[in-house]
Amino acid sequence: MDPNKEIQIRRVITEKIENFCSKFKSRHLGELNNPEGTLNSKIHNIFVARLGDEILYYSAMVRSFDSSFGNMLEDLAIEIAKISYIVRRKVEGPLTNDQTSEIAFLLESYKRNAMKPAISDYQSLRNANLEGIDSTKRHESDYYLIDKENGSHHLIELKIGGDLDNKKARSEKEALLEQFAILCNTLEDSENVHIHFATAYNRFGEDKTWNQGRVLQFFSPDELLIGSNFWNFICKSDTGYDVVLDQYNIEAPKILNMLNEIKSAYLSK
C-alpha cells in the first residue's frame, strides 16, 4: 500500500473511533439520572431485573452499543472509501418498464430456485430503449463508489454482519438491480457498472466460505465482498484489511475504557 494512503486510512480510523467514544460516552453519562434514558428505561423489564443489576445493565448496553458501533463502522468505511473513490449516496435517472419487468422475472426465478444468481443474468439491462422515457426514479444508496483511477462504478449493499432474511435479500437485490439499470441508462460508458453485496466481517470466520443460503439465493458468489475482501476493496489495496485491523487493534482500548467508565457510573448509582 502507498505509504501516504496508509497514513490517511490510519488517521481516519483514529478520528472515527475517538469521535465515537466521545459521543457514546457523553450520551449515556448525560442520561445517567434520566429515567427515560436509553439504559435506564430498560429497568422496567422485571424478568431481566430479577437476574441482578449487572445483567440488567449489560442486556441494555449490548443493544445500544451494537447499533451505535455498527453505524460507526459504516461511517468509517465511507470515509476510507473517499480516499480512493468518489462517494455518492444516491442514484437517480430513468428506468424503463421493460427493465422493471426483467428485474421482477429474475427475482422471482431466484425465489423459486429456478435460477442460480449470476452476473450474466442482468447484463441485458444495459441495452434499454429509452425513447419516450421522461420520468426518473431515485434510490438512496449505501455506497455508490466511482473509482478515481479507472472510472468504474460500484454499487454496494453493506450489511455489517450480512444477516438477511429472504424478504430483505430479495428487496436489496431489487434495489441494486434498479440502480444498476438507472446508471446504465445515464452513463456514457454503461459497461463499467458493477453490483456488490458486502459485509464488514465474515460471520462464519474470516477464512471460511460465506454460506448463508438466504444471501446466495439472490446474490452470485462473484458479487460478494465479505470481510477482508470488503476492506481491501474500499482501501483499494491487497493489504487494506491488514492495515484497518492493525489500526483498530491500536485504538480498541479507547473503546474498552469508555465502556468501563459508563459501566462504573451506572452500577455505582
Protein backbone atom coordinates (compact mmCIF):
# COMPACT_ATOMS: atom_id res chain seq x y z
CA MET A 1 0.00 0.00 0.00
CA ASP A 2 1.13 3.51 -0.76
CA PRO A 3 2.54 4.98 2.50
CA ASN A 4 0.53 8.19 2.16
CA LYS A 5 -2.69 6.22 1.72
CA GLU A 6 -1.87 4.10 4.77
CA ILE A 7 -1.31 7.23 6.86
CA GLN A 8 -4.67 8.61 5.71
CA ILE A 9 -6.50 5.35 6.49
CA ARG A 10 -4.95 5.08 9.95
CA ARG A 11 -5.82 8.71 10.68
CA VAL A 12 -9.44 8.17 9.65
CA ILE A 13 -9.74 5.13 11.94
CA THR A 14 -8.27 7.01 14.89
CA GLU A 15 -10.54 10.01 14.37
CA LYS A 16 -13.70 7.94 13.90
CA ILE A 17 -13.10 5.81 17.00
CA GLU A 18 -12.24 8.80 19.17
CA ASN A 19 -15.34 10.61 17.94
CA PHE A 20 -17.47 7.52 18.54
CA CYS A 21 -16.16 7.13 22.09
CA SER A 22 -16.73 10.79 22.90
CA LYS A 23 -20.31 10.86 21.63
CA PHE A 24 -21.31 7.48 23.04
CA LYS A 25 -19.95 8.32 26.49
CA SER A 26 -21.47 11.81 26.53
CA ARG A 27 -24.85 10.44 25.53
CA HIS A 28 -25.05 7.73 28.17
CA LEU A 29 -23.43 9.65 31.02
CA GLY A 30 -25.71 12.55 30.20
CA GLU A 31 -28.69 10.23 30.68
CA LEU A 32 -27.38 8.80 33.96
CA ASN A 33 -30.15 10.31 36.08
CA ASN A 34 -32.79 10.38 33.37
CA PRO A 35 -35.37 7.63 33.98
CA GLU A 36 -36.30 7.77 30.30
CA GLY A 37 -32.69 7.40 29.15
CA THR A 38 -31.62 4.62 26.81
CA LEU A 39 -30.28 2.39 29.58
CA ASN A 40 -32.48 3.47 32.50
CA SER A 41 -35.68 2.86 30.56
CA LYS A 42 -34.83 -0.85 30.41
CA ILE A 43 -35.07 -1.34 34.18
CA HIS A 44 -38.79 -1.93 33.92
CA ASN A 45 -38.18 -5.38 32.44
CA ILE A 46 -38.92 -7.20 35.68
CA PHE A 47 -37.82 -10.54 34.26
CA VAL A 48 -34.30 -9.35 33.43
CA ALA A 49 -34.14 -7.18 36.57
CA ARG A 50 -34.67 -10.29 38.69
CA LEU A 51 -31.27 -11.54 37.45
CA GLY A 52 -29.40 -8.65 39.06
CA ASP A 53 -28.12 -5.17 38.27
CA GLU A 54 -25.15 -6.29 36.16
CA ILE A 55 -27.24 -8.50 33.86
CA LEU A 56 -29.83 -5.75 33.56
CA TYR A 57 -27.13 -3.23 32.65
CA TYR A 58 -25.40 -5.48 30.12
CA SER A 59 -28.64 -6.50 28.42
CA ALA A 60 -29.47 -2.84 27.83
CA MET A 61 -25.92 -1.78 26.94
CA VAL A 62 -25.39 -4.53 24.35
CA ARG A 63 -28.38 -3.39 22.30
CA SER A 64 -27.32 0.25 22.42
CA PHE A 65 -23.65 -0.45 21.71
CA ASP A 66 -24.32 -2.89 18.88
CA SER A 67 -26.43 -0.37 16.97
CA SER A 68 -24.11 2.60 17.53
CA PHE A 69 -20.96 0.60 16.82
CA GLY A 70 -22.42 -0.73 13.57
CA ASN A 71 -23.24 2.82 12.45
CA MET A 72 -19.68 3.86 13.28
CA LEU A 73 -18.23 1.05 11.15
CA GLU A 74 -20.42 2.02 8.20
CA ASP A 75 -19.37 5.65 8.51
CA LEU A 76 -15.74 4.59 8.89
CA ALA A 77 -15.91 2.57 5.68
CA ILE A 78 -17.35 5.53 3.79
CA GLU A 79 -14.58 7.83 4.95
CA ILE A 80 -11.91 5.30 3.99
CA ALA A 81 -13.55 4.81 0.60
CA LYS A 82 -13.31 8.56 -0.06
CA ILE A 83 -9.53 8.23 -0.23
CA SER A 84 -9.67 6.12 -3.42
CA TYR A 85 -13.20 6.69 -4.72
CA ILE A 86 -15.72 9.40 -5.34
CA VAL A 87 -18.53 8.52 -2.91
CA ARG A 88 -22.15 9.23 -3.69
CA ARG A 89 -25.23 8.25 -1.69
CA LYS A 90 -27.95 8.28 -4.30
CA VAL A 91 -28.73 7.12 -7.82
CA GLU A 92 -31.30 8.90 -9.93
CA GLY A 93 -32.41 8.55 -13.54
CA PRO A 94 -34.76 6.82 -16.00
CA LEU A 95 -35.93 3.24 -15.54
CA THR A 96 -37.98 1.58 -18.27
CA ASN A 97 -40.96 -0.72 -17.83
CA ASP A 98 -39.09 -3.45 -19.69
CA GLN A 99 -36.20 -3.20 -17.24
CA THR A 100 -38.57 -3.34 -14.28
CA SER A 101 -40.26 -6.44 -15.74
CA GLU A 102 -36.93 -8.13 -16.39
CA ILE A 103 -35.79 -7.46 -12.83
CA ALA A 104 -39.04 -8.88 -11.46
CA PHE A 105 -38.60 -12.01 -13.60
CA LEU A 106 -35.07 -12.57 -12.32
CA LEU A 107 -36.06 -12.11 -8.68
CA GLU A 108 -38.98 -14.49 -8.97
CA SER A 109 -36.76 -17.05 -10.66
CA TYR A 110 -34.26 -16.78 -7.81
CA LYS A 111 -37.02 -17.07 -5.24
CA ARG A 112 -38.31 -20.30 -6.81
CA ASN A 113 -34.74 -21.57 -7.19
CA ALA A 114 -35.39 -21.87 -10.91
CA MET A 115 -32.12 -19.98 -11.48
CA LYS A 116 -28.90 -19.55 -9.56
CA PRO A 117 -27.79 -15.89 -9.50
CA ALA A 118 -25.06 -14.95 -11.94
CA ILE A 119 -23.66 -11.62 -13.06
CA SER A 120 -24.55 -12.52 -16.64
CA ASP A 121 -28.27 -12.61 -15.71
CA TYR A 122 -28.72 -8.85 -15.74
CA GLN A 123 -26.29 -7.71 -18.43
CA SER A 124 -29.19 -7.20 -20.85
CA LEU A 125 -30.36 -4.33 -18.61
CA ARG A 126 -27.55 -2.29 -20.16
CA ASN A 127 -29.31 -2.11 -23.52
CA ALA A 128 -32.59 -0.35 -22.76
CA ASN A 129 -34.61 1.61 -25.29
CA LEU A 130 -35.06 5.00 -23.64
CA GLU A 131 -37.19 6.55 -26.37
CA GLY A 132 -40.15 8.35 -24.82
CA ILE A 133 -38.96 7.84 -21.24
CA ASP A 134 -39.11 11.15 -19.39
CA SER A 135 -39.74 10.04 -15.78
CA THR A 136 -36.99 9.36 -13.27
CA LYS A 137 -36.58 7.16 -10.21
CA ARG A 138 -34.36 7.87 -7.23
CA HIS A 139 -32.65 5.43 -4.88
CA GLU A 140 -30.74 6.23 -1.70
CA SER A 141 -27.60 4.13 -1.90
CA ASP A 142 -25.45 2.64 0.86
CA TYR A 143 -22.33 3.03 -1.23
CA TYR A 144 -22.09 4.26 -4.79
CA LEU A 145 -18.37 4.43 -5.48
CA ILE A 146 -16.64 5.77 -8.56
CA ASP A 147 -13.03 4.68 -8.92
CA LYS A 148 -10.87 7.80 -9.24
CA GLU A 149 -8.32 6.00 -11.45
CA ASN A 150 -10.32 3.91 -13.93
CA GLY A 151 -13.79 5.47 -13.65
CA SER A 152 -15.57 2.19 -12.81
CA HIS A 153 -18.87 2.48 -10.93
CA HIS A 154 -19.66 0.23 -7.97
CA LEU A 155 -22.98 -0.15 -6.18
CA ILE A 156 -22.54 -1.77 -2.77
CA GLU A 157 -25.15 -3.02 -0.33
CA LEU A 158 -23.34 -3.28 3.01
CA LYS A 159 -24.64 -5.33 5.91
CA ILE A 160 -22.33 -5.23 8.91
CA GLY A 161 -22.82 -8.91 9.73
CA GLY A 162 -24.54 -9.86 6.49
CA ASP A 163 -27.56 -11.47 8.12
CA LEU A 164 -30.50 -11.24 5.73
CA ASP A 165 -33.86 -12.97 5.70
CA ASN A 166 -35.42 -13.97 2.37
CA LYS A 167 -37.60 -10.88 2.10
CA LYS A 168 -34.71 -8.50 2.73
CA ALA A 169 -32.35 -10.36 0.41
CA ARG A 170 -34.85 -10.04 -2.42
CA SER A 171 -35.59 -6.36 -1.78
CA GLU A 172 -31.88 -5.49 -1.50
CA LYS A 173 -31.11 -7.20 -4.81
CA GLU A 174 -34.09 -5.49 -6.43
CA ALA A 175 -32.85 -2.07 -5.29
CA LEU A 176 -29.34 -2.80 -6.57
CA LEU A 177 -30.62 -4.02 -9.94
CA GLU A 178 -32.77 -0.91 -10.35
CA GLN A 179 -29.77 1.29 -9.51
CA PHE A 180 -27.67 -0.73 -11.95
CA ALA A 181 -30.23 -0.18 -14.71
CA ILE A 182 -30.51 3.53 -13.95
CA LEU A 183 -26.75 4.01 -14.13
CA CYS A 184 -26.59 2.06 -17.39
CA ASN A 185 -29.29 4.36 -18.75
CA THR A 186 -27.50 7.54 -17.72
CA LEU A 187 -23.78 6.83 -18.10
CA GLU A 188 -21.93 7.18 -21.37
CA ASP A 189 -19.98 4.00 -20.65
CA SER A 190 -22.51 1.51 -19.26
CA GLU A 191 -20.07 -1.39 -19.43
CA ASN A 192 -18.29 -0.29 -16.28
CA VAL A 193 -21.08 -0.64 -13.70
CA HIS A 194 -20.88 -3.35 -11.03
CA ILE A 195 -23.00 -4.67 -8.15
CA HIS A 196 -21.68 -5.95 -4.80
CA PHE A 197 -23.11 -7.37 -1.59
CA ALA A 198 -20.71 -6.70 1.28
CA THR A 199 -20.16 -7.43 4.95
CA ALA A 200 -17.69 -5.81 7.35
CA TYR A 201 -16.73 -9.21 8.74
CA ASN A 202 -17.32 -12.86 7.91
CA ARG A 203 -19.79 -14.21 10.46
CA PHE A 204 -18.57 -17.73 9.65
CA GLY A 205 -14.91 -16.88 10.32
CA GLU A 206 -12.51 -14.83 8.21
CA ASP A 207 -11.03 -17.82 6.37
CA LYS A 208 -14.36 -19.61 5.96
CA THR A 209 -16.61 -19.74 2.90
CA TRP A 210 -19.64 -17.47 3.10
CA ASN A 211 -22.59 -19.83 3.00
CA GLN A 212 -25.69 -18.00 4.17
CA GLY A 213 -28.27 -19.52 1.86
CA ARG A 214 -30.63 -16.57 2.04
CA VAL A 215 -27.93 -14.32 0.61
CA LEU A 216 -26.77 -16.80 -2.01
CA GLN A 217 -30.33 -17.34 -3.19
CA PHE A 218 -30.28 -13.81 -4.63
CA PHE A 219 -26.60 -12.91 -4.95
CA SER A 220 -23.90 -14.54 -7.03
CA PRO A 221 -20.66 -15.50 -5.23
CA ASP A 222 -18.93 -13.20 -7.74
CA GLU A 223 -20.88 -10.26 -6.30
CA LEU A 224 -19.77 -10.85 -2.71
CA LEU A 225 -17.27 -8.69 -0.82
CA ILE A 226 -17.02 -10.46 2.51
CA GLY A 227 -14.90 -9.31 5.45
CA SER A 228 -11.30 -8.81 4.34
CA ASN A 229 -12.35 -8.58 0.67
CA PHE A 230 -14.63 -5.65 1.50
CA TRP A 231 -11.94 -3.71 3.37
CA ASN A 232 -9.36 -4.47 0.67
CA PHE A 233 -11.82 -3.20 -1.92
CA ILE A 234 -12.65 0.11 -0.27
CA CYS A 235 -8.99 0.67 0.59
CA LYS A 236 -8.16 -0.34 -2.98
CA SER A 237 -5.24 -2.39 -1.72
CA ASP A 238 -4.50 -6.06 -1.11
CA THR A 239 -3.27 -5.10 2.36
CA GLY A 240 -6.17 -2.83 3.22
CA TYR A 241 -7.77 -5.24 5.67
CA ASP A 242 -4.48 -5.77 7.50
CA VAL A 243 -3.96 -2.02 7.89
CA VAL A 244 -7.54 -1.43 9.06
CA LEU A 245 -7.39 -4.28 11.57
CA ASP A 246 -3.97 -3.26 12.87
CA GLN A 247 -5.03 0.33 13.49
CA TYR A 248 -8.32 -0.78 15.01
CA ASN A 249 -6.42 -3.02 17.45
CA ILE A 250 -4.34 0.00 18.43
CA GLU A 251 -7.46 2.10 19.06
CA ALA A 252 -9.70 -0.60 20.61
CA PRO A 253 -8.54 0.08 24.22
CA LYS A 254 -10.13 3.53 23.93
CA ILE A 255 -13.49 1.84 23.37
CA LEU A 256 -12.97 -0.51 26.31
CA ASN A 257 -12.02 2.37 28.60
CA MET A 258 -15.08 4.32 27.53
CA LEU A 259 -17.37 1.35 28.18
CA ASN A 260 -15.82 0.80 31.61
CA GLU A 261 -16.43 4.44 32.55
CA ILE A 262 -20.09 4.13 31.64
CA LYS A 263 -20.45 0.81 33.47
CA SER A 264 -18.86 2.21 36.64
CA ALA A 265 -21.18 5.20 36.58
CA TYR A 266 -24.35 3.17 36.19
CA LEU A 267 -23.52 0.32 38.55
CA SER A 268 -22.39 2.65 41.34
CA LYS A 269 -25.58 4.73 41.41
